[in-house]
Protein backbone atom coordinates (compact mmCIF):
# COMPACT_ATOMS: atom_id res chain seq x y z
CA UNK A 1 37.51 99.83 191.80
CA UNK A 2 39.47 103.15 192.38
CA UNK A 3 42.30 102.08 190.20
CA UNK A 4 40.48 100.72 187.48
CA UNK A 5 38.43 104.29 187.38
CA UNK A 6 41.62 106.34 187.87
CA UNK A 7 43.13 104.56 184.38
CA UNK A 8 39.94 104.92 182.56
CA UNK A 9 39.60 108.84 183.46
CA UNK A 10 43.43 109.06 182.43
CA UNK A 11 42.69 106.89 178.91
CA UNK A 12 39.55 109.20 178.49
CA UNK A 13 41.63 112.09 178.94
CA UNK A 14 43.95 110.97 176.41
CA UNK A 15 41.64 110.02 173.94
CA UNK A 16 39.99 113.59 174.22
CA UNK A 17 43.00 115.09 172.93
CA UNK A 18 43.06 116.62 169.26
CA UNK A 19 46.31 114.77 168.16
CA UNK A 20 45.20 111.29 169.54
CA UNK A 21 44.75 109.87 166.20
CA UNK A 22 48.36 111.02 165.20
CA UNK A 23 49.60 107.70 166.07
CA UNK A 24 46.90 105.24 165.05
CA UNK A 25 48.61 102.01 166.64
CA UNK A 26 49.07 104.01 170.19
CA UNK A 27 45.59 105.18 169.86
CA UNK A 28 44.29 101.98 168.80
CA UNK A 29 45.93 100.27 171.98
CA UNK A 30 44.59 103.06 174.21
CA UNK A 31 40.78 102.28 173.20
CA UNK A 32 41.47 98.43 173.22
CA UNK A 33 42.74 98.85 177.07
CA UNK A 34 39.70 101.45 177.68
CA UNK A 35 37.22 98.87 176.40
CA UNK A 36 38.70 96.06 178.42
CA UNK A 37 38.81 97.97 181.57
CA UNK A 38 34.97 99.04 181.09
CA UNK A 39 33.83 95.51 180.36
CA UNK A 40 35.56 94.51 183.66
CA UNK A 41 34.49 97.60 185.85
CA UNK A 42 31.12 98.34 184.44
CA UNK A 43 29.13 95.45 186.09
CA UNK A 44 30.84 96.13 189.50
CA UNK A 45 30.11 99.87 189.45
CA UNK A 46 26.49 99.10 188.24
CA UNK A 47 26.39 96.62 191.30
CA UNK A 48 27.56 99.25 193.71
CA UNK A 49 25.08 101.85 192.38
CA UNK A 50 21.96 99.11 192.85
CA UNK A 51 23.12 98.81 196.47
CA UNK A 52 23.03 102.30 197.17
CA UNK A 53 19.76 102.58 195.63
CA UNK A 54 18.36 99.86 198.27
CA UNK A 55 20.11 101.76 201.07
CA UNK A 56 18.00 104.88 199.91
CA UNK A 57 14.90 102.65 199.55
CA UNK A 58 15.27 101.48 203.23
CA UNK A 59 15.54 104.98 204.06
CA UNK A 60 12.25 105.97 202.60
CA UNK A 61 10.55 103.06 203.92
CA UNK A 62 11.69 103.99 207.40
CA UNK A 63 9.89 107.46 206.92
CA UNK A 64 6.73 105.88 205.68
CA UNK A 65 3.80 105.41 208.07
CA UNK A 66 4.04 102.13 210.15
CA UNK A 67 0.97 100.83 208.68
CA UNK A 68 2.78 100.80 204.79
CA UNK A 69 5.98 99.69 206.20
CA UNK A 70 5.24 95.99 206.08
CA UNK A 71 4.70 96.53 201.95
CA UNK A 72 7.88 98.51 201.48
CA UNK A 73 9.73 95.67 203.49
CA UNK A 74 8.39 93.24 201.04
CA UNK A 75 9.07 94.85 198.07
CA UNK A 76 12.82 95.63 198.84
CA UNK A 77 13.22 91.75 200.12
CA UNK A 78 12.18 90.61 196.97
CA UNK A 79 14.36 93.15 194.94
CA UNK A 80 17.42 92.16 197.44
CA UNK A 81 16.57 88.54 196.85
CA UNK A 82 16.75 88.89 192.80
CA UNK A 83 19.80 91.16 193.41
CA UNK A 84 21.74 88.47 195.17
CA UNK A 85 21.05 86.00 192.58
CA UNK A 86 22.19 88.25 190.15
CA UNK A 87 25.45 89.15 191.84
CA UNK A 88 26.26 85.61 192.42
CA UNK A 89 25.88 84.89 188.41
CA UNK A 90 28.00 87.81 187.81
CA UNK A 91 30.78 86.55 190.26
CA UNK A 92 30.43 83.03 188.22
CA UNK A 93 30.80 84.87 185.12
CA UNK A 94 33.98 86.84 186.30
CA UNK A 95 35.49 83.91 187.57
CA UNK A 96 34.70 81.36 184.83
CA UNK A 97 35.48 83.78 181.90
CA UNK A 98 38.45 81.75 180.44
CA UNK A 99 38.50 80.94 176.88
CA UNK A 100 37.75 77.34 177.55
CA UNK A 101 36.14 77.46 180.73
CA UNK A 102 32.78 76.71 179.26
CA UNK A 103 33.84 73.64 177.86
CA UNK A 104 33.47 69.98 179.07
CA UNK A 105 36.93 68.35 180.25
CA UNK A 106 39.15 65.33 180.10
CA UNK A 107 40.62 64.40 183.29
CA UNK A 108 43.85 62.28 183.55
CA UNK A 109 45.25 60.07 186.70
CA UNK A 110 48.30 58.63 187.06
CA UNK A 111 49.62 56.67 190.06
CA UNK A 112 53.19 58.07 191.31
CA UNK A 113 55.93 55.66 192.58
CA UNK A 114 54.87 53.32 195.11
CA UNK A 115 53.30 50.27 193.66
CA UNK A 116 50.02 48.96 194.71
CA UNK A 117 49.67 51.73 197.56
CA UNK A 118 49.81 54.51 194.88
CA UNK A 119 47.76 52.60 192.15
CA UNK A 120 44.90 51.94 194.94
CA UNK A 121 45.29 55.85 195.61
CA UNK A 122 44.35 56.67 191.90
CA UNK A 123 41.52 54.80 192.06
CA UNK A 124 40.14 56.58 194.90
CA UNK A 125 40.75 59.87 193.30
CA UNK A 126 38.83 58.32 190.10
CA UNK A 127 35.97 57.59 192.28
CA UNK A 128 36.11 60.72 193.89
CA UNK A 129 36.08 62.77 190.56
CA UNK A 130 33.38 60.52 189.19
CA UNK A 131 30.97 61.29 192.49
CA UNK A 132 31.63 65.17 192.01
CA UNK A 133 30.65 64.95 188.65
CA UNK A 134 27.43 63.10 189.29
CA UNK A 135 26.69 65.57 192.15
CA UNK A 136 26.50 68.06 189.61
CA UNK A 137 24.60 65.88 187.16
CA UNK A 138 27.60 65.88 184.64
CA UNK A 139 28.04 62.74 182.34
CA UNK A 140 31.22 61.02 183.30
CA UNK A 141 32.67 58.38 181.16
CA UNK A 142 35.92 56.30 181.46
CA UNK A 143 37.47 56.76 178.27
CA UNK A 144 40.54 54.63 179.18
CA UNK A 145 41.86 52.70 182.28
CA UNK A 146 44.91 50.77 183.12
CA UNK A 147 44.34 48.24 186.00
CA UNK A 148 47.06 48.24 188.67
CA UNK A 149 48.92 44.84 189.52
CA UNK A 150 47.16 43.82 192.49
CA UNK A 151 44.57 46.43 193.06
CA UNK A 152 43.53 49.86 191.93
CA UNK A 153 44.67 51.44 188.67
CA UNK A 154 48.07 52.52 187.00
CA UNK A 155 46.05 55.30 185.14
CA UNK A 156 43.01 56.34 183.92
CA UNK A 157 41.17 59.04 181.80
CA UNK A 158 37.70 60.46 182.50
CA UNK A 159 35.53 62.29 180.31
CA UNK A 160 33.41 64.81 181.95
CA UNK A 161 30.76 66.45 180.06
CA UNK A 162 28.69 69.27 181.17
CA UNK A 163 28.88 73.16 181.01
CA UNK A 164 31.45 74.63 182.94
CA UNK A 165 32.99 71.40 183.69
CA UNK A 166 36.77 72.57 182.90
CA UNK A 167 36.05 76.01 184.51
CA UNK A 168 35.36 74.19 187.67
CA UNK A 169 37.76 71.24 187.69
CA UNK A 170 41.07 73.22 185.84
CA UNK A 171 42.49 74.05 189.57
CA UNK A 172 42.88 70.15 190.25
CA UNK A 173 45.65 69.73 188.08
CA UNK A 174 48.54 68.94 189.82
CA UNK A 175 50.03 66.30 192.38
CA UNK A 176 47.90 64.89 195.11
CA UNK A 177 49.39 63.19 198.39
CA UNK A 178 47.60 60.50 200.60
CA UNK A 179 48.84 59.84 203.95
CA UNK A 180 47.26 56.78 205.49
CA UNK A 181 47.85 53.37 207.46
CA UNK A 182 48.00 51.06 204.39
CA UNK A 183 45.55 47.96 204.23
CA UNK A 184 48.25 46.24 202.03
CA UNK A 185 50.97 46.38 204.67
CA UNK A 186 50.60 43.46 207.27
CA UNK A 187 52.49 45.82 209.85
CA UNK A 188 49.83 48.62 209.41
CA UNK A 189 52.44 51.16 209.03
CA UNK A 190 51.70 54.84 207.76
CA UNK A 191 52.43 55.32 203.93
CA UNK A 192 52.74 58.22 201.89
CA UNK A 193 51.46 57.89 198.22
CA UNK A 194 51.27 60.36 195.43
CA UNK A 195 48.93 60.56 192.17
CA UNK A 196 48.93 63.36 189.28
CA UNK A 197 45.89 64.68 188.02
CA UNK A 198 45.82 66.63 184.82
CA UNK A 199 42.79 68.23 183.56
CA UNK A 200 41.99 69.58 179.73
CA UNK A 201 39.68 71.66 178.18
CA UNK A 202 37.46 69.22 175.74
CA UNK A 203 38.36 70.27 172.30
CA UNK A 204 35.60 71.81 170.32
CA UNK A 205 35.04 73.96 167.20
CA UNK A 206 36.51 76.97 169.16
CA UNK A 207 39.90 75.62 169.56
CA UNK A 208 41.81 75.06 166.38
CA UNK A 209 44.50 72.38 166.38
CA UNK A 210 46.53 71.56 163.54
CA UNK A 211 47.73 68.02 163.60
CA UNK A 212 49.58 66.59 160.48
CA UNK A 213 48.55 63.19 159.98
CA UNK A 214 52.30 62.37 159.09
CA UNK A 215 53.27 63.11 162.71
CA UNK A 216 51.24 60.19 164.51
CA UNK A 217 51.89 56.89 165.00
CA UNK A 218 48.81 54.61 165.46
CA UNK A 219 49.09 51.65 167.12
CA UNK A 220 46.03 48.72 168.06
CA UNK A 221 46.15 46.22 170.57
CA UNK A 222 43.66 44.08 172.95
CA UNK A 223 41.99 45.82 175.64
CA UNK A 224 42.38 44.95 179.01
CA UNK A 225 39.99 44.57 181.87
CA UNK A 226 36.14 43.47 182.02
CA UNK A 227 34.29 43.17 178.49
CA UNK A 228 33.69 39.48 177.91
CA UNK A 229 34.90 37.49 175.21
CA UNK A 230 35.16 39.88 172.42
CA UNK A 231 37.45 42.36 174.24
CA UNK A 232 40.17 39.59 174.58
CA UNK A 233 39.84 38.54 170.76
CA UNK A 234 40.09 41.71 169.04
CA UNK A 235 42.39 44.53 168.38
CA UNK A 236 40.09 47.46 169.26
CA UNK A 237 41.96 49.33 171.50
CA UNK A 238 44.11 52.10 169.95
CA UNK A 239 47.22 54.17 171.11
CA UNK A 240 47.92 57.36 169.28
CA UNK A 241 51.44 59.14 169.55
CA UNK A 242 52.15 62.52 168.37
CA UNK A 243 55.71 62.06 167.18
CA UNK A 244 57.06 65.86 167.44
CA UNK A 245 56.09 66.30 171.22
CA UNK A 246 55.76 62.48 172.50
CA UNK A 247 52.07 63.09 173.67
CA UNK A 248 50.16 59.92 173.62
CA UNK A 249 46.50 58.90 173.91
CA UNK A 250 44.93 55.60 174.41
CA UNK A 251 41.06 54.34 174.39
CA UNK A 252 39.70 51.16 174.63
CA UNK A 253 36.43 51.69 176.11
CA UNK A 254 34.49 51.04 172.82
CA UNK A 255 34.04 47.54 171.07
CA UNK A 256 34.79 49.77 167.74
CA UNK A 257 38.39 50.29 166.80
CA UNK A 258 37.05 53.02 164.64
CA UNK A 259 35.26 54.89 167.67
CA UNK A 260 38.15 54.40 169.79
CA UNK A 261 40.52 55.92 167.48
CA UNK A 262 38.36 58.89 167.00
CA UNK A 263 38.19 59.45 170.87
CA UNK A 264 41.94 58.84 171.35
CA UNK A 265 42.43 61.49 168.85
CA UNK A 266 40.29 63.98 170.57
CA UNK A 267 41.99 63.43 173.57
CA UNK A 268 45.38 63.92 171.84
CA UNK A 269 44.17 67.32 170.37
CA UNK A 270 43.04 68.38 174.20
CA UNK A 271 46.36 67.33 175.51
CA UNK A 272 48.39 69.34 172.56
CA UNK A 273 45.98 72.36 173.42
CA UNK A 274 46.86 71.98 177.04
CA UNK A 275 50.45 71.85 176.22
CA UNK A 276 50.54 75.30 174.21
CA UNK A 277 48.61 76.65 176.62
CA UNK A 278 50.95 75.97 179.48
CA UNK A 279 53.75 76.84 177.47
CA UNK A 280 52.30 80.76 177.10
CA UNK A 281 51.11 80.38 180.55
CA UNK A 282 54.86 79.62 181.79
CA UNK A 283 56.02 82.86 179.93
CA UNK A 284 53.61 84.94 181.41
CA UNK A 285 54.05 83.29 184.84
CA UNK A 286 57.73 84.10 184.70
CA UNK A 287 56.96 87.56 186.00
CA UNK A 288 54.36 86.82 188.37
CA UNK A 289 52.94 83.35 190.06
CA UNK A 290 49.36 83.52 190.96
CA UNK A 291 47.86 82.88 194.18
CA UNK A 292 46.47 79.56 193.03
CA UNK A 293 49.79 78.18 191.82
CA UNK A 294 51.08 78.08 188.28
CA UNK A 295 49.48 74.97 187.30
CA UNK A 296 53.03 73.11 187.11
CA UNK A 297 52.16 69.77 186.84
CA UNK A 298 54.88 69.18 189.32
CA UNK A 299 53.22 70.96 192.01
CA UNK A 300 52.01 69.26 195.07
CA UNK A 301 48.78 70.95 195.46
CA UNK A 302 46.79 68.76 198.14
CA UNK A 303 47.07 66.29 201.16
CA UNK A 304 44.71 63.89 202.50
CA UNK A 305 45.55 62.77 205.57
CA UNK A 306 43.26 59.81 206.41
CA UNK A 307 44.44 59.14 210.31
CA UNK A 308 43.56 62.87 211.23
CA UNK A 309 40.92 63.25 208.89
CA UNK A 310 41.89 66.28 206.98
CA UNK A 311 42.72 67.68 203.60
CA UNK A 312 44.61 70.60 203.26
CA UNK A 313 45.06 72.59 200.06
CA UNK A 314 48.43 73.97 199.88
CA UNK A 315 47.80 76.85 197.69
CA UNK A 316 45.62 78.60 199.76
CA UNK A 317 46.48 77.10 203.19
CA UNK A 318 43.03 75.58 203.82
CA UNK A 319 42.46 72.68 205.87
CA UNK A 320 39.11 70.94 206.22
CA UNK A 321 38.13 68.22 208.84
CA UNK A 322 35.74 66.70 206.40
CA UNK A 323 38.01 64.15 204.38
CA UNK A 324 35.30 61.46 204.32
CA UNK A 325 32.69 63.78 202.62
CA UNK A 326 35.60 65.03 200.27
CA UNK A 327 36.17 61.74 199.21
CA UNK A 328 32.69 61.29 198.29
CA UNK A 329 33.01 63.93 195.83
CA UNK A 330 31.89 66.94 198.29
CA UNK A 331 34.52 68.98 196.52
CA UNK A 332 32.45 72.25 196.79
CA UNK A 333 34.19 74.00 199.65
CA UNK A 334 37.48 73.43 198.41
CA UNK A 335 36.93 74.69 194.94
CA UNK A 336 34.86 77.84 196.09
CA UNK A 337 37.79 78.36 198.36
CA UNK A 338 40.06 78.71 195.34
CA UNK A 339 37.57 80.61 193.42
CA UNK A 340 37.56 83.21 196.27
CA UNK A 341 41.40 83.41 196.22
CA UNK A 342 41.14 83.68 192.33
CA UNK A 343 38.74 86.42 192.85
CA UNK A 344 40.94 88.39 195.23
CA UNK A 345 43.73 87.95 192.87
CA UNK A 346 42.01 89.26 189.78
CA UNK A 347 40.39 92.56 192.10
CA UNK A 348 44.13 93.29 192.97
CA UNK A 349 45.07 93.18 189.11
CA UNK A 350 41.88 95.39 188.31
CA UNK A 351 43.14 97.87 191.06
């Protein structure tokens, strides 16, 4: 952390000057910058000091009589294991510290061009993310789904409820590419298909979204898909359109039109919030594109190659030959690698 320490020393020197408060606006900016740097740097500096203490304890233990060394070793081992757990927790706080990382999330999947093949791919992605959520003991609910014409789905919206769900999944936004020999092709030719994934933080009380009711168009229609006689006889499904932006949200998973409307409005608010966040990020990214991509929804972020059994994340040039496990929801290695890349980028920013 030499860069952060050097900047802190410079700010401390400035704040110690007698005329520091002559310009209150400049003074306040310096104080805010120093406080932000300390908040980032102090946990890491404390960890470095604790690691040095462990080295001293080991050296002292080696100087003890042989009969006393096992007890010293046991104490150091116990403290070191706790240190590692605390370090892992600090890493998680460091990386998942965005304003909405702790929130549950809404994940939307849309099949790209390609008809049945792309629709089947979208369905496979929905299953993959559902399995990922179940592995983490999150609650996964299908809020809206549009079935494909022959197989698969045209689109789906999932609600994934659990602490840090958005923080974990936010890097999944982008275009996912499938390469395989199509089961829908009688000639067994290789096909390339695409589906887009959008991830939004679920709106809670900490996100203030002002939506004018006059800007909304609300349509009701009969839900499609399984559901028995009721689902085909009542206009329980709801579609809400935000006229100024053209953003649309639908919900048809409940028999109650009122509850479907409430959930569609929740999705709409999350999408409007994400649009505002994306616009702010685009301005920041104009100067520098991050290591794990800009988050642009046109970015092709990952390729799933079935003939070769591999998955490649193009943002960090990572290839894993464990495609069957990934499709069963084992995304840990991919997400952890993106976190590690993001960590390196954040540390470079601190320097």
